[in-house]
N, C-alpha and C. Protein backbone atom coordinates (compact mmCIF):
# COMPACT_ATOMS: atom_id res chain seq x y z
N MET A 1 -3.40 52.78 8.14
CA MET A 1 -2.78 52.22 9.34
C MET A 1 -2.88 53.24 10.47
N THR A 2 -3.37 52.80 11.61
CA THR A 2 -3.50 53.68 12.77
C THR A 2 -2.25 53.60 13.63
N VAL A 3 -1.65 54.73 13.90
CA VAL A 3 -0.43 54.78 14.72
C VAL A 3 -0.81 55.11 16.15
N PRO A 4 -0.44 54.29 17.14
CA PRO A 4 -0.76 54.57 18.54
C PRO A 4 -0.22 55.92 18.95
N PRO A 5 -0.96 56.67 19.80
CA PRO A 5 -0.52 58.02 20.21
C PRO A 5 0.85 58.02 20.84
N CYS A 6 1.24 56.91 21.47
CA CYS A 6 2.52 56.90 22.17
C CYS A 6 3.67 56.46 21.29
N PHE A 7 3.39 56.27 19.98
CA PHE A 7 4.44 55.73 19.12
C PHE A 7 5.65 56.62 19.08
N SER A 8 5.44 57.95 18.86
CA SER A 8 6.58 58.87 18.75
C SER A 8 7.40 58.88 20.01
N ARG A 9 6.73 58.88 21.19
CA ARG A 9 7.45 58.90 22.45
C ARG A 9 8.26 57.64 22.63
N ARG A 10 7.67 56.49 22.31
CA ARG A 10 8.42 55.23 22.43
C ARG A 10 9.60 55.20 21.47
N LEU A 11 9.39 55.75 20.26
CA LEU A 11 10.46 55.76 19.27
C LEU A 11 11.65 56.56 19.75
N VAL A 12 11.39 57.76 20.27
CA VAL A 12 12.49 58.62 20.73
C VAL A 12 13.21 57.97 21.90
N HIS A 13 12.45 57.35 22.83
CA HIS A 13 13.09 56.67 23.95
C HIS A 13 13.99 55.54 23.45
N GLY A 14 13.48 54.81 22.43
CA GLY A 14 14.28 53.72 21.89
C GLY A 14 15.52 54.22 21.20
N VAL A 15 15.39 55.33 20.48
CA VAL A 15 16.55 55.93 19.80
C VAL A 15 17.57 56.41 20.80
N THR A 16 17.10 56.97 21.92
CA THR A 16 18.01 57.42 22.96
C THR A 16 18.84 56.27 23.49
N ALA A 17 18.18 55.16 23.76
CA ALA A 17 18.92 53.99 24.26
C ALA A 17 19.90 53.49 23.21
N LEU A 18 19.50 53.54 21.93
CA LEU A 18 20.37 53.08 20.85
C LEU A 18 21.60 53.94 20.74
N LEU A 19 21.44 55.25 20.85
CA LEU A 19 22.58 56.16 20.78
C LEU A 19 23.53 55.94 21.94
N CYS A 20 22.99 55.71 23.13
CA CYS A 20 23.85 55.44 24.29
C CYS A 20 24.64 54.17 24.09
N ALA A 21 23.96 53.13 23.56
CA ALA A 21 24.63 51.85 23.32
C ALA A 21 25.71 51.98 22.28
N GLY A 22 25.49 52.89 21.30
CA GLY A 22 26.48 53.09 20.25
C GLY A 22 27.67 53.91 20.68
N GLY A 23 27.61 54.47 21.87
CA GLY A 23 28.74 55.23 22.40
C GLY A 23 28.88 56.62 21.84
N ILE A 24 27.83 57.10 21.12
CA ILE A 24 27.92 58.41 20.51
C ILE A 24 27.48 59.50 21.48
N VAL A 25 26.53 59.19 22.35
CA VAL A 25 26.05 60.20 23.27
C VAL A 25 25.87 59.60 24.65
N GLN A 26 25.60 60.48 25.61
CA GLN A 26 25.27 60.07 26.95
C GLN A 26 23.91 60.65 27.30
N ALA A 27 23.12 59.89 28.03
CA ALA A 27 21.79 60.36 28.42
C ALA A 27 21.93 61.51 29.42
N PRO A 28 20.93 62.46 29.50
CA PRO A 28 19.70 62.44 28.72
C PRO A 28 19.90 63.03 27.34
N LEU A 29 18.98 62.67 26.40
CA LEU A 29 19.18 63.07 25.02
C LEU A 29 18.02 63.91 24.49
N ALA A 30 17.33 63.36 23.45
CA ALA A 30 16.35 64.16 22.74
C ALA A 30 15.12 64.44 23.57
N LYS A 31 14.43 65.52 23.20
CA LYS A 31 13.17 65.84 23.84
C LYS A 31 12.12 64.84 23.38
N ALA A 32 10.99 64.76 24.10
CA ALA A 32 9.96 63.79 23.78
C ALA A 32 9.35 64.06 22.42
N ASP A 33 9.27 65.33 22.03
CA ASP A 33 8.70 65.68 20.73
C ASP A 33 9.79 65.58 19.67
N PRO A 34 9.68 64.63 18.72
CA PRO A 34 10.74 64.45 17.71
C PRO A 34 10.85 65.60 16.73
N TYR A 35 9.97 66.60 16.82
CA TYR A 35 10.02 67.73 15.91
C TYR A 35 10.19 69.04 16.70
N SER A 36 10.94 68.99 17.79
CA SER A 36 11.01 70.12 18.70
C SER A 36 12.20 71.04 18.48
N LEU A 37 13.27 70.53 17.89
CA LEU A 37 14.47 71.36 17.77
C LEU A 37 14.39 72.30 16.57
N PRO A 38 14.98 73.49 16.69
CA PRO A 38 14.97 74.43 15.56
C PRO A 38 15.93 73.99 14.47
N ILE A 39 15.70 74.49 13.28
CA ILE A 39 16.58 74.18 12.15
C ILE A 39 17.76 75.14 12.18
N ALA A 40 18.97 74.60 12.08
CA ALA A 40 20.16 75.44 12.08
C ALA A 40 20.37 76.04 10.68
N THR A 41 21.53 76.65 10.45
CA THR A 41 21.68 77.45 9.24
C THR A 41 22.78 76.99 8.31
N SER A 42 23.40 75.88 8.57
CA SER A 42 24.45 75.41 7.67
C SER A 42 24.31 73.91 7.50
N GLY A 43 25.05 73.35 6.54
CA GLY A 43 24.91 71.92 6.28
C GLY A 43 26.19 71.30 5.77
N PRO A 44 26.13 70.02 5.38
CA PRO A 44 27.33 69.33 4.89
C PRO A 44 27.84 69.94 3.60
N VAL A 45 29.14 69.91 3.43
CA VAL A 45 29.75 70.45 2.21
C VAL A 45 29.55 69.47 1.07
N ARG A 46 29.03 69.95 -0.04
CA ARG A 46 28.80 69.11 -1.21
C ARG A 46 29.53 69.69 -2.41
N SER A 47 29.95 68.81 -3.29
CA SER A 47 30.62 69.25 -4.51
C SER A 47 29.61 69.84 -5.47
N ASP A 48 30.02 70.87 -6.21
CA ASP A 48 29.15 71.49 -7.20
C ASP A 48 29.12 70.71 -8.51
N ALA A 49 30.05 69.78 -8.68
CA ALA A 49 30.11 69.00 -9.91
C ALA A 49 28.92 68.06 -9.98
N PRO A 50 28.18 68.03 -11.11
CA PRO A 50 27.02 67.14 -11.23
C PRO A 50 27.43 65.68 -11.20
N ASP A 51 26.69 64.87 -10.47
CA ASP A 51 26.97 63.45 -10.37
C ASP A 51 26.38 62.74 -11.60
N PRO A 52 27.16 61.87 -12.26
CA PRO A 52 26.65 61.19 -13.46
C PRO A 52 25.38 60.39 -13.21
N MET A 53 25.29 59.73 -12.03
CA MET A 53 24.10 58.96 -11.73
C MET A 53 22.88 59.86 -11.56
N THR A 54 23.11 61.03 -10.96
CA THR A 54 22.01 61.99 -10.79
C THR A 54 21.52 62.48 -12.14
N LEU A 55 22.47 62.83 -13.02
CA LEU A 55 22.10 63.30 -14.35
C LEU A 55 21.33 62.24 -15.13
N SER A 56 21.77 60.99 -15.01
CA SER A 56 21.09 59.89 -15.70
C SER A 56 19.67 59.71 -15.17
N ALA A 57 19.51 59.76 -13.84
CA ALA A 57 18.19 59.60 -13.24
C ALA A 57 17.28 60.77 -13.62
N GLN A 58 17.82 61.97 -13.65
CA GLN A 58 17.03 63.14 -14.04
C GLN A 58 16.55 63.01 -15.48
N GLN A 59 17.42 62.53 -16.34
CA GLN A 59 17.05 62.35 -17.75
C GLN A 59 15.94 61.32 -17.90
N LEU A 60 16.07 60.19 -17.18
CA LEU A 60 15.05 59.15 -17.25
C LEU A 60 13.72 59.66 -16.72
N ALA A 61 13.76 60.40 -15.61
CA ALA A 61 12.53 60.94 -15.03
C ALA A 61 11.82 61.88 -16.01
N ARG A 62 12.59 62.68 -16.72
CA ARG A 62 11.99 63.59 -17.70
C ARG A 62 11.41 62.81 -18.88
N GLN A 63 12.11 61.76 -19.29
CA GLN A 63 11.66 60.98 -20.44
C GLN A 63 10.32 60.28 -20.18
N VAL A 64 10.20 59.65 -19.03
CA VAL A 64 8.99 58.86 -18.73
C VAL A 64 7.93 59.68 -18.01
N GLY A 65 8.32 60.83 -17.45
CA GLY A 65 7.40 61.66 -16.71
C GLY A 65 7.41 61.33 -15.22
N TYR A 66 7.26 62.34 -14.39
CA TYR A 66 7.31 62.14 -12.95
C TYR A 66 6.24 61.19 -12.45
N ALA A 67 5.05 61.25 -13.03
CA ALA A 67 3.95 60.41 -12.56
C ALA A 67 4.30 58.93 -12.68
N ARG A 68 4.88 58.56 -13.80
CA ARG A 68 5.26 57.15 -13.99
C ARG A 68 6.51 56.81 -13.19
N PHE A 69 7.47 57.72 -13.15
CA PHE A 69 8.75 57.49 -12.48
C PHE A 69 8.58 57.26 -10.98
N THR A 70 7.54 57.87 -10.40
CA THR A 70 7.32 57.74 -8.96
C THR A 70 6.12 56.85 -8.63
N ASP A 71 5.56 56.20 -9.62
CA ASP A 71 4.41 55.30 -9.39
C ASP A 71 4.86 54.09 -8.57
N PRO A 72 4.04 53.61 -7.62
CA PRO A 72 4.45 52.46 -6.80
C PRO A 72 4.68 51.19 -7.61
N ASN A 73 4.13 51.12 -8.82
CA ASN A 73 4.32 49.94 -9.66
C ASN A 73 5.45 50.09 -10.67
N TRP A 74 6.22 51.18 -10.55
CA TRP A 74 7.37 51.37 -11.44
C TRP A 74 8.53 50.51 -10.95
N LYS A 75 8.90 49.51 -11.73
CA LYS A 75 10.02 48.61 -11.44
C LYS A 75 9.89 47.99 -10.05
N VAL A 76 8.86 47.17 -9.91
CA VAL A 76 8.59 46.51 -8.64
C VAL A 76 9.69 45.52 -8.29
N GLY A 77 10.08 45.48 -7.05
CA GLY A 77 11.15 44.61 -6.55
C GLY A 77 11.82 45.28 -5.37
N THR A 78 12.43 44.51 -4.52
CA THR A 78 13.04 45.06 -3.30
C THR A 78 14.19 46.01 -3.65
N VAL A 79 14.12 47.20 -3.10
CA VAL A 79 15.15 48.22 -3.29
C VAL A 79 15.67 48.64 -1.92
N ARG A 80 16.99 48.67 -1.78
CA ARG A 80 17.63 49.12 -0.54
C ARG A 80 18.21 50.52 -0.75
N HIS A 81 18.01 51.35 0.25
CA HIS A 81 18.51 52.73 0.24
C HIS A 81 19.39 52.89 1.48
N MET A 82 20.71 52.86 1.27
CA MET A 82 21.66 52.93 2.37
C MET A 82 22.13 54.37 2.55
N VAL A 83 22.06 54.86 3.79
CA VAL A 83 22.47 56.22 4.11
C VAL A 83 23.42 56.18 5.30
N MET A 84 24.58 56.85 5.17
CA MET A 84 25.57 56.88 6.25
C MET A 84 25.94 58.31 6.59
N PHE A 85 26.04 58.59 7.89
CA PHE A 85 26.28 59.95 8.37
C PHE A 85 27.60 60.06 9.13
N ARG A 86 28.22 61.24 8.99
CA ARG A 86 29.22 61.71 9.94
C ARG A 86 28.72 63.06 10.43
N TYR A 87 28.51 63.16 11.73
CA TYR A 87 27.96 64.38 12.30
C TYR A 87 29.02 65.47 12.42
N THR A 88 28.56 66.71 12.43
CA THR A 88 29.47 67.83 12.65
C THR A 88 29.98 67.79 14.08
N LYS A 89 31.18 68.30 14.29
CA LYS A 89 31.75 68.30 15.64
C LYS A 89 30.94 69.17 16.59
N GLY A 90 30.28 70.17 16.06
CA GLY A 90 29.52 71.07 16.91
C GLY A 90 28.11 70.60 17.23
N SER A 91 27.67 69.51 16.60
CA SER A 91 26.32 69.02 16.88
C SER A 91 26.26 68.43 18.28
N THR A 92 25.18 68.70 18.97
CA THR A 92 25.03 68.25 20.35
C THR A 92 24.43 66.85 20.39
N PRO A 93 24.57 66.16 21.54
CA PRO A 93 23.93 64.85 21.68
C PRO A 93 22.44 64.90 21.41
N ALA A 94 21.76 65.94 21.88
CA ALA A 94 20.32 66.05 21.67
C ALA A 94 19.99 66.21 20.19
N GLN A 95 20.81 66.99 19.48
CA GLN A 95 20.57 67.18 18.05
C GLN A 95 20.78 65.88 17.28
N ARG A 96 21.81 65.12 17.63
CA ARG A 96 22.05 63.84 16.96
C ARG A 96 20.92 62.85 17.24
N ALA A 97 20.44 62.85 18.46
CA ALA A 97 19.32 61.97 18.80
C ALA A 97 18.06 62.39 18.05
N GLU A 98 17.89 63.70 17.89
CA GLU A 98 16.72 64.21 17.17
C GLU A 98 16.78 63.81 15.70
N VAL A 99 17.96 63.90 15.09
CA VAL A 99 18.13 63.47 13.70
C VAL A 99 17.75 62.00 13.56
N THR A 100 18.24 61.18 14.48
CA THR A 100 17.95 59.75 14.44
C THR A 100 16.46 59.48 14.60
N ALA A 101 15.84 60.16 15.55
CA ALA A 101 14.42 59.95 15.80
C ALA A 101 13.59 60.32 14.58
N ARG A 102 13.93 61.43 13.95
CA ARG A 102 13.17 61.85 12.78
C ARG A 102 13.35 60.88 11.61
N PHE A 103 14.57 60.41 11.44
CA PHE A 103 14.82 59.46 10.34
C PHE A 103 14.00 58.19 10.58
N MET A 104 14.09 57.64 11.77
CA MET A 104 13.35 56.41 12.06
C MET A 104 11.84 56.60 11.90
N HIS A 105 11.35 57.77 12.22
CA HIS A 105 9.91 58.02 12.14
C HIS A 105 9.42 58.16 10.71
N LEU A 106 10.33 58.26 9.75
CA LEU A 106 9.91 58.31 8.35
C LEU A 106 9.21 57.02 7.93
N ALA A 107 9.46 55.94 8.65
CA ALA A 107 8.74 54.69 8.36
C ALA A 107 7.24 54.88 8.54
N VAL A 108 6.85 55.83 9.38
CA VAL A 108 5.44 56.14 9.60
C VAL A 108 5.00 57.36 8.81
N ASP A 109 5.86 58.38 8.75
CA ASP A 109 5.48 59.66 8.16
C ASP A 109 5.48 59.67 6.63
N SER A 110 6.30 58.84 6.00
CA SER A 110 6.42 58.86 4.54
C SER A 110 5.21 58.16 3.91
N ARG A 111 4.33 58.97 3.34
CA ARG A 111 3.11 58.44 2.74
C ARG A 111 2.76 59.21 1.48
N ARG A 112 2.01 58.56 0.62
CA ARG A 112 1.52 59.22 -0.58
C ARG A 112 0.26 60.02 -0.23
N MET A 113 -0.23 60.76 -1.21
CA MET A 113 -1.38 61.61 -0.98
C MET A 113 -2.61 60.81 -0.56
N ASP A 114 -2.69 59.54 -1.00
CA ASP A 114 -3.84 58.70 -0.63
C ASP A 114 -3.64 58.00 0.71
N GLY A 115 -2.52 58.28 1.39
CA GLY A 115 -2.27 57.69 2.69
C GLY A 115 -1.47 56.40 2.67
N MET A 116 -1.18 55.88 1.48
CA MET A 116 -0.43 54.63 1.39
C MET A 116 1.02 54.84 1.82
N PRO A 117 1.58 53.94 2.63
CA PRO A 117 2.97 54.07 3.06
C PRO A 117 3.94 53.86 1.91
N VAL A 118 5.06 54.54 1.98
CA VAL A 118 6.09 54.44 0.94
C VAL A 118 7.20 53.48 1.36
N VAL A 119 7.50 53.48 2.66
CA VAL A 119 8.63 52.72 3.19
C VAL A 119 8.17 51.38 3.74
N VAL A 120 8.95 50.33 3.45
CA VAL A 120 8.69 49.02 4.06
C VAL A 120 9.26 48.98 5.47
N SER A 121 10.51 49.45 5.63
CA SER A 121 11.14 49.44 6.95
C SER A 121 12.33 50.39 6.96
N VAL A 122 12.72 50.80 8.17
CA VAL A 122 13.92 51.61 8.38
C VAL A 122 14.73 50.96 9.49
N GLU A 123 16.01 50.72 9.24
CA GLU A 123 16.92 50.19 10.25
C GLU A 123 18.01 51.22 10.53
N SER A 124 18.61 51.15 11.71
CA SER A 124 19.72 52.04 12.02
C SER A 124 20.71 51.34 12.95
N GLY A 125 21.96 51.75 12.85
CA GLY A 125 23.00 51.21 13.72
C GLY A 125 24.24 52.08 13.62
N PHE A 126 25.23 51.77 14.48
CA PHE A 126 26.43 52.59 14.57
C PHE A 126 27.67 51.82 14.12
N GLN A 127 28.60 52.55 13.59
CA GLN A 127 29.85 51.97 13.08
C GLN A 127 30.59 51.24 14.19
N ASN A 128 30.89 49.98 13.98
CA ASN A 128 31.70 49.25 14.96
C ASN A 128 32.69 48.31 14.29
N SER A 129 33.00 48.61 13.02
CA SER A 129 33.95 47.78 12.29
C SER A 129 35.38 48.09 12.71
N GLY A 130 36.21 47.05 12.76
CA GLY A 130 37.62 47.23 13.07
C GLY A 130 38.51 47.19 11.85
N GLU A 131 37.93 47.23 10.65
CA GLU A 131 38.71 47.11 9.42
C GLU A 131 39.43 48.39 9.04
N GLY A 132 39.04 49.51 9.63
CA GLY A 132 39.75 50.76 9.38
C GLY A 132 39.42 51.44 8.07
N VAL A 133 38.27 51.14 7.47
CA VAL A 133 37.90 51.77 6.21
C VAL A 133 36.54 52.44 6.32
N GLY A 134 36.18 52.90 7.52
CA GLY A 134 34.89 53.54 7.72
C GLY A 134 34.84 54.99 7.31
N ASN A 135 36.02 55.58 6.99
CA ASN A 135 36.10 56.97 6.53
C ASN A 135 35.41 57.95 7.48
N GLY A 136 35.44 57.64 8.75
CA GLY A 136 34.89 58.56 9.74
C GLY A 136 33.38 58.54 9.86
N LEU A 137 32.71 57.68 9.11
CA LEU A 137 31.25 57.59 9.18
C LEU A 137 30.85 56.98 10.52
N GLN A 138 29.80 57.52 11.11
CA GLN A 138 29.42 57.13 12.47
C GLN A 138 28.15 56.32 12.57
N GLN A 139 27.20 56.57 11.67
CA GLN A 139 25.89 55.95 11.80
C GLN A 139 25.34 55.61 10.42
N ALA A 140 24.61 54.50 10.34
CA ALA A 140 24.03 54.08 9.07
C ALA A 140 22.54 53.82 9.23
N PHE A 141 21.82 54.02 8.13
CA PHE A 141 20.40 53.71 8.05
C PHE A 141 20.18 52.87 6.79
N LEU A 142 19.28 51.91 6.89
CA LEU A 142 18.93 51.10 5.73
C LEU A 142 17.42 51.17 5.56
N VAL A 143 16.99 51.78 4.44
CA VAL A 143 15.57 51.92 4.14
C VAL A 143 15.22 50.95 3.02
N THR A 144 14.15 50.20 3.20
CA THR A 144 13.72 49.22 2.21
C THR A 144 12.42 49.66 1.56
N PHE A 145 12.36 49.49 0.23
CA PHE A 145 11.18 49.85 -0.54
C PHE A 145 10.69 48.64 -1.35
N ARG A 146 9.44 48.71 -1.78
CA ARG A 146 8.84 47.65 -2.59
C ARG A 146 9.11 47.83 -4.08
N SER A 147 9.54 49.02 -4.47
CA SER A 147 9.75 49.30 -5.90
C SER A 147 10.65 50.51 -6.06
N GLU A 148 11.19 50.67 -7.26
CA GLU A 148 11.97 51.87 -7.55
C GLU A 148 11.08 53.10 -7.55
N GLY A 149 9.80 52.92 -7.95
CA GLY A 149 8.88 54.05 -7.93
C GLY A 149 8.69 54.61 -6.53
N ASP A 150 8.54 53.72 -5.53
CA ASP A 150 8.44 54.18 -4.15
C ASP A 150 9.72 54.86 -3.70
N ARG A 151 10.87 54.28 -4.09
CA ARG A 151 12.15 54.90 -3.74
C ARG A 151 12.27 56.29 -4.37
N ASN A 152 11.87 56.40 -5.63
CA ASN A 152 11.97 57.68 -6.33
C ASN A 152 11.08 58.74 -5.68
N TYR A 153 9.87 58.33 -5.27
CA TYR A 153 8.95 59.26 -4.62
C TYR A 153 9.54 59.70 -3.27
N TYR A 154 10.11 58.78 -2.54
CA TYR A 154 10.69 59.07 -1.23
C TYR A 154 11.90 60.00 -1.35
N VAL A 155 12.81 59.70 -2.27
CA VAL A 155 14.05 60.47 -2.39
C VAL A 155 13.78 61.88 -2.89
N GLY A 156 12.97 62.01 -3.93
CA GLY A 156 12.66 63.34 -4.44
C GLY A 156 13.85 64.07 -5.03
N LYS A 157 14.15 65.25 -4.50
CA LYS A 157 15.26 66.06 -5.01
C LYS A 157 16.58 65.34 -4.80
N PRO A 158 17.54 65.52 -5.70
CA PRO A 158 17.57 66.43 -6.85
C PRO A 158 17.02 65.83 -8.14
N VAL A 159 16.49 64.59 -8.09
CA VAL A 159 15.99 63.96 -9.31
C VAL A 159 14.58 64.43 -9.63
N VAL A 160 13.69 64.34 -8.66
CA VAL A 160 12.30 64.77 -8.84
C VAL A 160 12.14 66.11 -8.15
N THR A 161 11.82 67.15 -8.91
CA THR A 161 11.77 68.51 -8.35
C THR A 161 10.37 69.06 -8.23
N ASP A 162 9.37 68.36 -8.72
CA ASP A 162 7.98 68.79 -8.60
C ASP A 162 7.42 68.26 -7.28
N ALA A 163 7.01 69.16 -6.39
CA ALA A 163 6.55 68.77 -5.06
C ALA A 163 5.34 67.85 -5.09
N ALA A 164 4.63 67.80 -6.19
CA ALA A 164 3.48 66.91 -6.30
C ALA A 164 3.90 65.45 -6.41
N PHE A 165 5.19 65.22 -6.66
CA PHE A 165 5.66 63.85 -6.92
C PHE A 165 6.81 63.44 -6.01
N PHE A 166 6.97 64.10 -4.86
CA PHE A 166 7.95 63.60 -3.90
C PHE A 166 7.41 63.76 -2.48
N ASP A 167 8.03 63.03 -1.57
CA ASP A 167 7.57 62.88 -0.20
C ASP A 167 7.90 64.13 0.63
N PRO A 168 6.91 64.87 1.11
CA PRO A 168 7.20 66.08 1.89
C PRO A 168 7.84 65.76 3.24
N ALA A 169 7.53 64.59 3.81
CA ALA A 169 8.12 64.24 5.11
C ALA A 169 9.62 64.04 4.99
N HIS A 170 10.05 63.36 3.92
CA HIS A 170 11.49 63.15 3.73
C HIS A 170 12.19 64.46 3.40
N GLU A 171 11.53 65.30 2.61
CA GLU A 171 12.12 66.58 2.27
C GLU A 171 12.31 67.43 3.53
N ALA A 172 11.33 67.39 4.43
CA ALA A 172 11.45 68.14 5.69
C ALA A 172 12.58 67.59 6.55
N PHE A 173 12.75 66.26 6.53
CA PHE A 173 13.85 65.67 7.28
C PHE A 173 15.20 66.13 6.74
N LYS A 174 15.35 66.15 5.44
CA LYS A 174 16.62 66.56 4.84
C LYS A 174 16.95 68.01 5.23
N GLU A 175 15.95 68.86 5.21
CA GLU A 175 16.17 70.26 5.57
C GLU A 175 16.56 70.39 7.05
N PHE A 176 15.92 69.60 7.89
CA PHE A 176 16.23 69.67 9.32
C PHE A 176 17.63 69.14 9.64
N SER A 177 17.97 68.00 9.07
CA SER A 177 19.19 67.30 9.46
C SER A 177 20.46 67.87 8.84
N ALA A 178 20.37 68.52 7.69
CA ALA A 178 21.55 68.98 6.96
C ALA A 178 22.53 69.78 7.81
N PRO A 179 22.10 70.69 8.66
CA PRO A 179 23.06 71.49 9.43
C PRO A 179 23.89 70.69 10.42
N TYR A 180 23.43 69.50 10.78
CA TYR A 180 24.12 68.70 11.78
C TYR A 180 25.02 67.62 11.17
N LEU A 181 25.08 67.59 9.84
CA LEU A 181 25.81 66.52 9.16
C LEU A 181 27.00 67.07 8.40
N GLU A 182 28.16 66.49 8.67
CA GLU A 182 29.39 66.89 7.98
C GLU A 182 29.56 66.11 6.68
N LYS A 183 29.13 64.85 6.70
CA LYS A 183 29.26 64.02 5.51
C LYS A 183 28.08 63.06 5.41
N VAL A 184 27.57 62.91 4.19
CA VAL A 184 26.48 61.98 3.94
C VAL A 184 26.85 61.11 2.75
N VAL A 185 26.72 59.80 2.91
CA VAL A 185 26.97 58.86 1.83
C VAL A 185 25.67 58.09 1.58
N VAL A 186 25.27 58.01 0.31
CA VAL A 186 24.05 57.29 -0.05
C VAL A 186 24.39 56.26 -1.12
N PHE A 187 23.87 55.05 -0.93
CA PHE A 187 24.11 53.97 -1.90
C PHE A 187 22.80 53.19 -2.03
N ASP A 188 22.22 53.20 -3.24
CA ASP A 188 20.98 52.47 -3.50
C ASP A 188 21.27 51.27 -4.40
N TYR A 189 20.48 50.21 -4.20
CA TYR A 189 20.60 49.08 -5.11
C TYR A 189 19.31 48.26 -5.12
N ASP A 190 19.01 47.69 -6.30
CA ASP A 190 17.96 46.70 -6.41
C ASP A 190 18.53 45.37 -5.94
N VAL A 191 17.78 44.64 -5.15
CA VAL A 191 18.24 43.32 -4.71
C VAL A 191 18.13 42.37 -5.90
N ALA A 192 19.28 42.10 -6.52
CA ALA A 192 19.31 41.30 -7.74
C ALA A 192 19.65 39.84 -7.47
N ALA A 193 20.34 39.56 -6.38
CA ALA A 193 20.73 38.18 -6.07
C ALA A 193 20.88 38.02 -4.56
N VAL A 194 20.47 36.87 -4.07
CA VAL A 194 20.59 36.54 -2.65
C VAL A 194 21.18 35.15 -2.51
N THR A 195 22.23 35.01 -1.73
CA THR A 195 22.84 33.71 -1.48
C THR A 195 22.64 33.33 -0.02
N THR A 196 22.13 32.14 0.20
CA THR A 196 21.90 31.66 1.56
C THR A 196 22.49 30.27 1.70
N PRO A 197 23.00 29.91 2.89
CA PRO A 197 23.58 28.57 3.07
C PRO A 197 22.50 27.51 3.08
N GLN A 198 22.88 26.33 2.63
CA GLN A 198 21.98 25.19 2.67
C GLN A 198 22.00 24.55 4.05
N GLU A 199 21.35 23.43 4.19
CA GLU A 199 21.30 22.73 5.47
C GLU A 199 22.70 22.31 5.89
N PRO A 200 22.93 22.19 7.20
CA PRO A 200 24.26 21.76 7.68
C PRO A 200 24.69 20.45 7.04
N GLY A 201 25.98 20.39 6.70
CA GLY A 201 26.51 19.18 6.08
C GLY A 201 26.62 19.28 4.58
N ARG A 202 25.90 20.23 3.97
CA ARG A 202 25.99 20.41 2.52
C ARG A 202 27.00 21.49 2.19
N LYS A 203 27.74 21.31 1.13
CA LYS A 203 28.79 22.25 0.76
C LYS A 203 28.29 23.33 -0.19
N LYS A 204 27.20 23.06 -0.91
CA LYS A 204 26.74 23.99 -1.91
C LYS A 204 25.94 25.12 -1.26
N TYR A 205 25.92 26.25 -1.96
CA TYR A 205 25.15 27.39 -1.53
C TYR A 205 24.11 27.70 -2.59
N HIS A 206 22.98 28.17 -2.15
CA HIS A 206 21.89 28.46 -3.06
C HIS A 206 21.86 29.94 -3.37
N THR A 207 21.78 30.29 -4.64
CA THR A 207 21.72 31.67 -5.04
C THR A 207 20.45 31.90 -5.83
N SER A 208 19.68 32.89 -5.42
CA SER A 208 18.45 33.24 -6.15
C SER A 208 18.68 34.57 -6.82
N ARG A 209 18.24 34.70 -8.04
CA ARG A 209 18.38 35.95 -8.80
C ARG A 209 16.99 36.45 -9.17
N ARG A 210 16.90 37.77 -9.15
CA ARG A 210 15.62 38.39 -9.49
C ARG A 210 15.48 38.49 -11.00
């Protein structure tokens, strides 16, 4: 896939407008180059206790081998990767815009060694719920994959630790963004069921299961 030379510039401009609309920052924001800001030296606080889901995924990856675990045909089906951020109080508007721009650009940058894209799409938006259970989270991203293998290759560490089997673009994003994030929440799921309304006038709803 050929990416137009102006894609990155258009993306950052679009992200800037999105951040302004979300009320998180005021223009002007990020620089035109989405990879222009230096990496800071601290990051979000994480618990040292091993997560059971992480341990389970690590065990499965070792059992089947990284090559199979990250293969694009491993467990084919729509997979959603939800990521939610709370930025540090000291992060600047430009830094937040840069984080957003880099995340959105992973839709283009995340590729396998043969050039095949890993990501189907990346969406982003800002917290605007009035239910009072947002836990201070400010921004969300939704990444869609064609298979668990693509998701596994994209996510990489801490499950996949061999650099030959994870996405260097995503790894670089994690290293860049960590100092500006106070809290990160990640929730992945396979799309197992979808319910959609029927035609107007009908009371039943249709549910499809994978």
